[in-house]
Amino acid sequence: MFTKPSICIKKVEFVKEQKNCLLSIKQTAEYLNVSTRMVKRYMSARRISFVKIFGQYRFRLEDLDKFIMDNRILSLNEQRLKISFPAEKIRN
């Protein structure tokens, strides 16, 4: 027998406490602080992971966090720390 997936209907603050929670398009837009239209654009471009359950689109919180981290632009200081120059090690 099929069980209904856990779909959170509460606010984003409550969602952050849940581990295996599926968000609707509207909740995803609130979580990412974008419009629902932008979420649908990400879906059509396959930039964001989603599942289709009973004709409705749902998003896993883990996938949204990964999407945020993958699209993060590093600051100049973080870029400098990330890049290592072998020539500097040889000189020292």
PDB file of N, CA and C in Angstrom:
ATOM      1  N   MET A   1       0.841  -1.170   0.000  1.00  0.00           N
ATOM      2  CA  MET A   1       0.000   0.000   0.000  1.00  0.00           C
ATOM      3  C   MET A   1       0.890   1.237   0.000  1.00  0.00           C
ATOM      4  N   PHE A   2       0.483   2.237  -0.768  1.00  0.00           N
ATOM      5  CA  PHE A   2       1.243   3.477  -0.841  1.00  0.00           C
ATOM      6  C   PHE A   2       0.959   4.355   0.364  1.00  0.00           C
ATOM      7  N   THR A   3       2.010   5.010   0.828  1.00  0.00           N
ATOM      8  CA  THR A   3       1.836   5.972   1.910  1.00  0.00           C
ATOM      9  C   THR A   3       2.017   7.363   1.339  1.00  0.00           C
ATOM     10  N   LYS A   4       1.290   8.288   1.852  1.00  0.00           N
ATOM     11  CA  LYS A   4       1.375   9.664   1.388  1.00  0.00           C
ATOM     12  C   LYS A   4       2.699  10.268   1.838  1.00  0.00           C
ATOM     13  N   PRO A   5       3.431  10.923   0.917  1.00  0.00           N
ATOM     14  CA  PRO A   5       4.707  11.534   1.311  1.00  0.00           C
ATOM     15  C   PRO A   5       4.479  12.672   2.284  1.00  0.00           C
ATOM     16  N   SER A   6       5.508  12.927   3.092  1.00  0.00           N
ATOM     17  CA  SER A   6       5.386  14.005   4.067  1.00  0.00           C
ATOM     18  C   SER A   6       5.511  15.343   3.358  1.00  0.00           C
ATOM     19  N   ILE A   7       4.454  16.109   3.363  1.00  0.00           N
ATOM     20  CA  ILE A   7       4.438  17.407   2.719  1.00  0.00           C
ATOM     21  C   ILE A   7       4.220  18.449   3.801  1.00  0.00           C
ATOM     22  N   CYS A   8       5.183  19.332   3.941  1.00  0.00           N
ATOM     23  CA  CYS A   8       5.093  20.364   4.962  1.00  0.00           C
ATOM     24  C   CYS A   8       4.201  21.490   4.470  1.00  0.00           C
ATOM     25  N   ILE A   9       3.315  21.951   5.334  1.00  0.00           N
ATOM     26  CA  ILE A   9       2.417  23.037   4.972  1.00  0.00           C
ATOM     27  C   ILE A   9       2.706  24.252   5.836  1.00  0.00           C
ATOM     28  N   LYS A  10       3.656  24.162   6.722  1.00  0.00           N
ATOM     29  CA  LYS A  10       3.966  25.258   7.642  1.00  0.00           C
ATOM     30  C   LYS A  10       4.918  26.252   7.010  1.00  0.00           C
ATOM     31  N   LYS A  11       5.306  27.243   7.773  1.00  0.00           N
ATOM     32  CA  LYS A  11       6.217  28.289   7.327  1.00  0.00           C
ATOM     33  C   LYS A  11       7.625  27.737   7.137  1.00  0.00           C
ATOM     34  N   VAL A  12       8.488  28.527   6.504  1.00  0.00           N
ATOM     35  CA  VAL A  12       9.854  28.113   6.205  1.00  0.00           C
ATOM     36  C   VAL A  12      10.645  27.848   7.479  1.00  0.00           C
ATOM     37  N   GLU A  13      10.387  28.603   8.548  1.00  0.00           N
ATOM     38  CA  GLU A  13      11.108  28.387   9.796  1.00  0.00           C
ATOM     39  C   GLU A  13      10.859  26.981  10.325  1.00  0.00           C
ATOM     40  N   PHE A  14       9.633  26.518  10.205  1.00  0.00           N
ATOM     41  CA  PHE A  14       9.298  25.167  10.650  1.00  0.00           C
ATOM     42  C   PHE A  14       9.940  24.139   9.736  1.00  0.00           C
ATOM     43  N   VAL A  15      10.009  24.443   8.456  1.00  0.00           N
ATOM     44  CA  VAL A  15      10.548  23.506   7.472  1.00  0.00           C
ATOM     45  C   VAL A  15      12.014  23.221   7.741  1.00  0.00           C
ATOM     46  N   LYS A  16      12.755  24.225   8.186  1.00  0.00           N
ATOM     47  CA  LYS A  16      14.177  24.033   8.436  1.00  0.00           C
ATOM     48  C   LYS A  16      14.432  22.974   9.497  1.00  0.00           C
ATOM     49  N   GLU A  17      13.474  22.764  10.397  1.00  0.00           N
ATOM     50  CA  GLU A  17      13.634  21.780  11.446  1.00  0.00           C
ATOM     51  C   GLU A  17      13.356  20.365  10.943  1.00  0.00           C
ATOM     52  N   GLN A  18      12.655  20.227   9.838  1.00  0.00           N
ATOM     53  CA  GLN A  18      12.287  18.924   9.307  1.00  0.00           C
ATOM     54  C   GLN A  18      13.411  18.367   8.449  1.00  0.00           C
ATOM     55  N   LYS A  19      13.632  17.073   8.508  1.00  0.00           N
ATOM     56  CA  LYS A  19      14.685  16.440   7.726  1.00  0.00           C
ATOM     57  C   LYS A  19      14.154  15.957   6.377  1.00  0.00           C
ATOM     58  N   ASN A  20      13.121  15.121   6.385  1.00  0.00           N
ATOM     59  CA  ASN A  20      12.590  14.530   5.159  1.00  0.00           C
ATOM     60  C   ASN A  20      11.298  15.231   4.775  1.00  0.00           C
ATOM     61  N   CYS A  21      11.420  16.451   4.377  1.00  0.00           N
ATOM     62  CA  CYS A  21      10.256  17.263   4.087  1.00  0.00           C
ATOM     63  C   CYS A  21      10.237  17.617   2.614  1.00  0.00           C
ATOM     64  N   LEU A  22       9.056  17.559   2.019  1.00  0.00           N
ATOM     65  CA  LEU A  22       8.893  17.960   0.633  1.00  0.00           C
ATOM     66  C   LEU A  22       8.146  19.282   0.581  1.00  0.00           C
ATOM     67  N   LEU A  23       8.682  20.206  -0.194  1.00  0.00           N
ATOM     68  CA  LEU A  23       8.101  21.543  -0.277  1.00  0.00           C
ATOM     69  C   LEU A  23       7.352  21.720  -1.591  1.00  0.00           C
ATOM     70  N   SER A  24       6.315  22.520  -1.566  1.00  0.00           N
ATOM     71  CA  SER A  24       5.587  22.866  -2.779  1.00  0.00           C
ATOM     72  C   SER A  24       6.357  23.965  -3.522  1.00  0.00           C
ATOM     73  N   ILE A  25       5.861  24.342  -4.686  1.00  0.00           N
ATOM     74  CA  ILE A  25       6.512  25.406  -5.454  1.00  0.00           C
ATOM     75  C   ILE A  25       6.483  26.718  -4.669  1.00  0.00           C
ATOM     76  N   LYS A  26       5.347  27.006  -4.054  1.00  0.00           N
ATOM     77  CA  LYS A  26       5.221  28.246  -3.285  1.00  0.00           C
ATOM     78  C   LYS A  26       6.179  28.254  -2.094  1.00  0.00           C
ATOM     79  N   GLN A  27       6.264  27.155  -1.377  1.00  0.00           N
ATOM     80  CA  GLN A  27       7.165  27.067  -0.229  1.00  0.00           C
ATOM     81  C   GLN A  27       8.614  27.143  -0.677  1.00  0.00           C
ATOM     82  N   THR A  28       8.917  26.539  -1.821  1.00  0.00           N
ATOM     83  CA  THR A  28      10.270  26.600  -2.356  1.00  0.00           C
ATOM     84  C   THR A  28      10.642  28.033  -2.705  1.00  0.00           C
ATOM     85  N   ALA A  29       9.705  28.744  -3.302  1.00  0.00           N
ATOM     86  CA  ALA A  29       9.950  30.149  -3.642  1.00  0.00           C
ATOM     87  C   ALA A  29      10.208  30.966  -2.380  1.00  0.00           C
ATOM     88  N   GLU A  30       9.462  30.704  -1.319  1.00  0.00           N
ATOM     89  CA  GLU A  30       9.684  31.403  -0.057  1.00  0.00           C
ATOM     90  C   GLU A  30      11.046  31.050   0.521  1.00  0.00           C
ATOM     91  N   TYR A  31      11.416  29.786   0.451  1.00  0.00           N
ATOM     92  CA  TYR A  31      12.693  29.332   1.003  1.00  0.00           C
ATOM     93  C   TYR A  31      13.871  29.954   0.259  1.00  0.00           C
ATOM     94  N   LEU A  32      13.762  30.045  -1.075  1.00  0.00           N
ATOM     95  CA  LEU A  32      14.837  30.611  -1.885  1.00  0.00           C
ATOM     96  C   LEU A  32      14.738  32.129  -2.011  1.00  0.00           C
ATOM     97  N   ASN A  33      13.654  32.691  -1.514  1.00  0.00           N
ATOM     98  CA  ASN A  33      13.407  34.127  -1.583  1.00  0.00           C
ATOM     99  C   ASN A  33      13.347  34.615  -3.031  1.00  0.00           C
ATOM    100  N   VAL A  34      12.642  33.860  -3.871  1.00  0.00           N
ATOM    101  CA  VAL A  34      12.406  34.217  -5.263  1.00  0.00           C
ATOM    102  C   VAL A  34      10.915  34.044  -5.545  1.00  0.00           C
ATOM    103  N   SER A  35      10.486  34.398  -6.744  1.00  0.00           N
ATOM    104  CA  SER A  35       9.085  34.237  -7.110  1.00  0.00           C
ATOM    105  C   SER A  35       8.808  32.799  -7.541  1.00  0.00           C
ATOM    106  N   THR A  36       7.544  32.434  -7.556  1.00  0.00           N
ATOM    107  CA  THR A  36       7.173  31.093  -8.021  1.00  0.00           C
ATOM    108  C   THR A  36       7.496  30.947  -9.509  1.00  0.00           C
ATOM    109  N   ARG A  37       7.413  32.039 -10.230  1.00  0.00           N
ATOM    110  CA  ARG A  37       7.761  32.009 -11.650  1.00  0.00           C
ATOM    111  C   ARG A  37       9.227  31.644 -11.838  1.00  0.00           C
ATOM    112  N   MET A  38      10.100  32.160 -10.982  1.00  0.00           N
ATOM    113  CA  MET A  38      11.529  31.845 -11.069  1.00  0.00           C
ATOM    114  C   MET A  38      11.772  30.372 -10.752  1.00  0.00           C
ATOM    115  N   VAL A  39      11.057  29.839  -9.784  1.00  0.00           N
ATOM    116  CA  VAL A  39      11.192  28.411  -9.458  1.00  0.00           C
ATOM    117  C   VAL A  39      10.792  27.567 -10.665  1.00  0.00           C
ATOM    118  N   LYS A  40       9.714  27.949 -11.332  1.00  0.00           N
ATOM    119  CA  LYS A  40       9.278  27.212 -12.525  1.00  0.00           C
ATOM    120  C   LYS A  40      10.294  27.327 -13.654  1.00  0.00           C
ATOM    121  N   ARG A  41      10.954  28.467 -13.766  1.00  0.00           N
ATOM    122  CA  ARG A  41      12.016  28.618 -14.765  1.00  0.00           C
ATOM    123  C   ARG A  41      13.184  27.690 -14.458  1.00  0.00           C
ATOM    124  N   TYR A  42      13.571  27.626 -13.178  1.00  0.00           N
ATOM    125  CA  TYR A  42      14.641  26.707 -12.775  1.00  0.00           C
ATOM    126  C   TYR A  42      14.253  25.263 -13.078  1.00  0.00           C
ATOM    127  N   MET A  43      12.988  24.946 -12.875  1.00  0.00           N
ATOM    128  CA  MET A  43      12.512  23.586 -13.157  1.00  0.00           C
ATOM    129  C   MET A  43      12.605  23.274 -14.647  1.00  0.00           C
ATOM    130  N   SER A  44      12.145  24.186 -15.485  1.00  0.00           N
ATOM    131  CA  SER A  44      12.140  23.931 -16.927  1.00  0.00           C
ATOM    132  C   SER A  44      13.558  23.874 -17.487  1.00  0.00           C
ATOM    133  N   ALA A  45      14.479  24.605 -16.885  1.00  0.00           N
ATOM    134  CA  ALA A  45      15.881  24.574 -17.308  1.00  0.00           C
ATOM    135  C   ALA A  45      16.640  23.427 -16.642  1.00  0.00           C
ATOM    136  N   ARG A  46      15.969  22.684 -15.767  1.00  0.00           N
ATOM    137  CA  ARG A  46      16.565  21.563 -15.016  1.00  0.00           C
ATOM    138  C   ARG A  46      17.757  22.004 -14.175  1.00  0.00           C
ATOM    139  N   ARG A  47      17.676  23.220 -13.643  1.00  0.00           N
ATOM    140  CA  ARG A  47      18.736  23.719 -12.765  1.00  0.00           C
ATOM    141  C   ARG A  47      18.489  23.316 -11.328  1.00  0.00           C
ATOM    142  N   ILE A  48      17.260  22.932 -11.022  1.00  0.00           N
ATOM    143  CA  ILE A  48      16.881  22.584  -9.655  1.00  0.00           C
ATOM    144  C   ILE A  48      16.225  21.209  -9.680  1.00  0.00           C
ATOM    145  N   SER A  49      16.548  20.390  -8.698  1.00  0.00           N
ATOM    146  CA  SER A  49      15.996  19.037  -8.633  1.00  0.00           C
ATOM    147  C   SER A  49      14.594  19.057  -8.044  1.00  0.00           C
ATOM    148  N   PHE A  50      13.728  18.214  -8.588  1.00  0.00           N
ATOM    149  CA  PHE A  50      12.365  18.130  -8.083  1.00  0.00           C
ATOM    150  C   PHE A  50      11.815  16.734  -8.341  1.00  0.00           C
ATOM    151  N   VAL A  51      10.726  16.424  -7.682  1.00  0.00           N
ATOM    152  CA  VAL A  51      10.019  15.166  -7.903  1.00  0.00           C
ATOM    153  C   VAL A  51       8.570  15.484  -8.240  1.00  0.00           C
ATOM    154  N   LYS A  52       7.966  14.603  -8.999  1.00  0.00           N
ATOM    155  CA  LYS A  52       6.561  14.769  -9.341  1.00  0.00           C
ATOM    156  C   LYS A  52       5.789  13.653  -8.657  1.00  0.00           C
ATOM    157  N   ILE A  53       4.901  14.035  -7.764  1.00  0.00           N
ATOM    158  CA  ILE A  53       4.131  13.067  -6.993  1.00  0.00           C
ATOM    159  C   ILE A  53       2.657  13.363  -7.192  1.00  0.00           C
ATOM    160  N   PHE A  54       1.948  12.406  -7.740  1.00  0.00           N
ATOM    161  CA  PHE A  54       0.509  12.541  -7.962  1.00  0.00           C
ATOM    162  C   PHE A  54       0.181  13.809  -8.741  1.00  0.00           C
ATOM    163  N   GLY A  55       1.013  14.147  -9.719  1.00  0.00           N
ATOM    164  CA  GLY A  55       0.774  15.307 -10.560  1.00  0.00           C
ATOM    165  C   GLY A  55       1.190  16.637  -9.950  1.00  0.00           C
ATOM    166  N   GLN A  56       1.819  16.597  -8.784  1.00  0.00           N
ATOM    167  CA  GLN A  56       2.270  17.823  -8.131  1.00  0.00           C
ATOM    168  C   GLN A  56       3.790  17.790  -8.011  1.00  0.00           C
ATOM    169  N   TYR A  57       4.399  18.948  -8.164  1.00  0.00           N
ATOM    170  CA  TYR A  57       5.852  19.047  -8.075  1.00  0.00           C
ATOM    171  C   TYR A  57       6.252  19.357  -6.640  1.00  0.00           C
ATOM    172  N   ARG A  58       7.260  18.634  -6.172  1.00  0.00           N
ATOM    173  CA  ARG A  58       7.757  18.807  -4.805  1.00  0.00           C
ATOM    174  C   ARG A  58       9.275  18.882  -4.824  1.00  0.00           C
ATOM    175  N   PHE A  59       9.813  19.540  -3.814  1.00  0.00           N
ATOM    176  CA  PHE A  59      11.250  19.771  -3.720  1.00  0.00           C
ATOM    177  C   PHE A  59      11.757  19.308  -2.364  1.00  0.00           C
ATOM    178  N   ARG A  60      12.868  18.592  -2.375  1.00  0.00           N
ATOM    179  CA  ARG A  60      13.491  18.164  -1.122  1.00  0.00           C
ATOM    180  C   ARG A  60      14.342  19.292  -0.581  1.00  0.00           C
ATOM    181  N   LEU A  61      14.326  19.446   0.717  1.00  0.00           N
ATOM    182  CA  LEU A  61      15.083  20.509   1.373  1.00  0.00           C
ATOM    183  C   LEU A  61      16.586  20.333   1.150  1.00  0.00           C
ATOM    184  N   GLU A  62      17.058  19.088   1.151  1.00  0.00           N
ATOM    185  CA  GLU A  62      18.480  18.823   0.916  1.00  0.00           C
ATOM    186  C   GLU A  62      18.902  19.276  -0.477  1.00  0.00           C
ATOM    187  N   ASP A  63      18.024  19.050  -1.472  1.00  0.00           N
ATOM    188  CA  ASP A  63      18.335  19.469  -2.839  1.00  0.00           C
ATOM    189  C   ASP A  63      18.382  20.990  -2.955  1.00  0.00           C
ATOM    190  N   LEU A  64      17.502  21.664  -2.232  1.00  0.00           N
ATOM    191  CA  LEU A  64      17.506  23.122  -2.268  1.00  0.00           C
ATOM    192  C   LEU A  64      18.767  23.688  -1.635  1.00  0.00           C
ATOM    193  N   ASP A  65      19.200  23.098  -0.528  1.00  0.00           N
ATOM    194  CA  ASP A  65      20.440  23.542   0.107  1.00  0.00           C
ATOM    195  C   ASP A  65      21.644  23.306  -0.805  1.00  0.00           C
ATOM    196  N   LYS A  66      21.644  22.170  -1.502  1.00  0.00           N
ATOM    197  CA  LYS A  66      22.719  21.876  -2.449  1.00  0.00           C
ATOM    198  C   LYS A  66      22.689  22.875  -3.603  1.00  0.00           C
ATOM    199  N   PHE A  67      21.501  23.213  -4.084  1.00  0.00           N
ATOM    200  CA  PHE A  67      21.351  24.193  -5.154  1.00  0.00           C
ATOM    201  C   PHE A  67      21.922  25.542  -4.730  1.00  0.00           C
ATOM    202  N   ILE A  68      21.655  25.929  -3.498  1.00  0.00           N
ATOM    203  CA  ILE A  68      22.172  27.198  -2.984  1.00  0.00           C
ATOM    204  C   ILE A  68      23.693  27.176  -2.928  1.00  0.00           C
ATOM    205  N   MET A  69      24.263  26.105  -2.413  1.00  0.00           N
ATOM    206  CA  MET A  69      25.718  26.020  -2.287  1.00  0.00           C
ATOM    207  C   MET A  69      26.396  25.920  -3.655  1.00  0.00           C
ATOM    208  N   ASP A  70      25.774  25.236  -4.613  1.00  0.00           N
ATOM    209  CA  ASP A  70      26.364  25.112  -5.946  1.00  0.00           C
ATOM    210  C   ASP A  70      26.370  26.439  -6.692  1.00  0.00           C
ATOM    211  N   ASN A  71      25.437  27.311  -6.385  1.00  0.00           N
ATOM    212  CA  ASN A  71      25.334  28.590  -7.079  1.00  0.00           C
ATOM    213  C   ASN A  71      25.942  29.744  -6.287  1.00  0.00           C
ATOM    214  N   ARG A  72      26.665  29.417  -5.254  1.00  0.00           N
ATOM    215  CA  ARG A  72      27.289  30.421  -4.414  1.00  0.00           C
ATOM    216  C   ARG A  72      28.527  30.969  -5.109  1.00  0.00           C
ATOM    217  N   ILE A  73      28.673  32.274  -5.099  1.00  0.00           N
ATOM    218  CA  ILE A  73      29.842  32.920  -5.689  1.00  0.00           C
ATOM    219  C   ILE A  73      30.791  33.280  -4.553  1.00  0.00           C
ATOM    220  N   LEU A  74      32.008  32.806  -4.664  1.00  0.00           N
ATOM    221  CA  LEU A  74      32.991  33.019  -3.608  1.00  0.00           C
ATOM    222  C   LEU A  74      33.483  34.455  -3.592  1.00  0.00           C
ATOM    223  N   SER A  75      33.787  34.944  -2.404  1.00  0.00           N
ATOM    224  CA  SER A  75      34.385  36.269  -2.286  1.00  0.00           C
ATOM    225  C   SER A  75      35.834  36.199  -2.756  1.00  0.00           C
ATOM    226  N   LEU A  76      36.441  37.340  -2.950  1.00  0.00           N
ATOM    227  CA  LEU A  76      37.829  37.367  -3.405  1.00  0.00           C
ATOM    228  C   LEU A  76      38.761  36.702  -2.401  1.00  0.00           C
ATOM    229  N   ASN A  77      38.511  36.918  -1.113  1.00  0.00           N
ATOM    230  CA  ASN A  77      39.344  36.282  -0.091  1.00  0.00           C
ATOM    231  C   ASN A  77      39.214  34.766  -0.128  1.00  0.00           C
ATOM    232  N   GLU A  78      37.991  34.274  -0.307  1.00  0.00           N
ATOM    233  CA  GLU A  78      37.791  32.824  -0.388  1.00  0.00           C
ATOM    234  C   GLU A  78      38.431  32.245  -1.635  1.00  0.00           C
ATOM    235  N   GLN A  79      38.397  33.002  -2.731  1.00  0.00           N
ATOM    236  CA  GLN A  79      39.038  32.535  -3.959  1.00  0.00           C
ATOM    237  C   GLN A  79      40.545  32.457  -3.788  1.00  0.00           C
ATOM    238  N   ARG A  80      41.119  33.447  -3.110  1.00  0.00           N
ATOM    239  CA  ARG A  80      42.570  33.438  -2.881  1.00  0.00           C
ATOM    240  C   ARG A  80      42.981  32.255  -2.012  1.00  0.00           C
ATOM    241  N   LEU A  81      42.198  31.958  -1.009  1.00  0.00           N
ATOM    242  CA  LEU A  81      42.523  30.832  -0.132  1.00  0.00           C
ATOM    243  C   LEU A  81      42.358  29.497  -0.844  1.00  0.00           C
ATOM    244  N   LYS A  82      41.416  29.441  -1.766  1.00  0.00           N
ATOM    245  CA  LYS A  82      41.150  28.190  -2.480  1.00  0.00           C
ATOM    246  C   LYS A  82      42.240  27.885  -3.489  1.00  0.00           C
ATOM    247  N   ILE A  83      42.815  28.925  -4.094  1.00  0.00           N
ATOM    248  CA  ILE A  83      43.839  28.742  -5.114  1.00  0.00           C
ATOM    249  C   ILE A  83      45.198  28.617  -4.437  1.00  0.00           C
ATOM    250  N   SER A  84      45.888  27.549  -4.735  1.00  0.00           N
ATOM    251  CA  SER A  84      47.244  27.384  -4.196  1.00  0.00           C
ATOM    252  C   SER A  84      48.223  27.404  -5.368  1.00  0.00           C
ATOM    253  N   PHE A  85      49.310  28.106  -5.178  1.00  0.00           N
ATOM    254  CA  PHE A  85      50.305  28.232  -6.217  1.00  0.00           C
ATOM    255  C   PHE A  85      51.515  27.374  -5.850  1.00  0.00           C
ATOM    256  N   PRO A  86      51.800  26.339  -6.614  1.00  0.00           N
ATOM    257  CA  PRO A  86      52.943  25.473  -6.308  1.00  0.00           C
ATOM    258  C   PRO A  86      54.267  26.216  -6.356  1.00  0.00           C
ATOM    259  N   ALA A  87      54.379  27.248  -7.196  1.00  0.00           N
ATOM    260  CA  ALA A  87      55.639  27.995  -7.302  1.00  0.00           C
ATOM    261  C   ALA A  87      55.999  28.677  -5.986  1.00  0.00           C
ATOM    262  N   GLU A  88      54.993  29.140  -5.253  1.00  0.00           N
ATOM    263  CA  GLU A  88      55.262  29.774  -3.958  1.00  0.00           C
ATOM    264  C   GLU A  88      55.822  28.781  -2.951  1.00  0.00           C
ATOM    265  N   LYS A  89      55.383  27.543  -3.017  1.00  0.00           N
ATOM    266  CA  LYS A  89      55.883  26.519  -2.097  1.00  0.00           C
ATOM    267  C   LYS A  89      57.350  26.184  -2.410  1.00  0.00           C
ATOM    268  N   ILE A  90      57.684  26.233  -3.669  1.00  0.00           N
ATOM    269  CA  ILE A  90      59.055  25.919  -4.063  1.00  0.00           C
ATOM    270  C   ILE A  90      60.005  27.022  -3.614  1.00  0.00           C
ATOM    271  N   ARG A  91      59.586  28.294  -3.726  1.00  0.00           N
ATOM    272  CA  ARG A  91      60.427  29.414  -3.326  1.00  0.00           C
ATOM    273  C   ARG A  91      60.704  29.418  -1.841  1.00  0.00           C
ATOM    274  N   ASN A  92      59.743  28.977  -1.042  1.00  0.00           N
ATOM    275  CA  ASN A  92      59.900  29.009   0.413  1.00  0.00           C
ATOM    276  C   ASN A  92      60.662  27.813   0.834  1.00  0.00           C
TER     277      ASN A  92
END
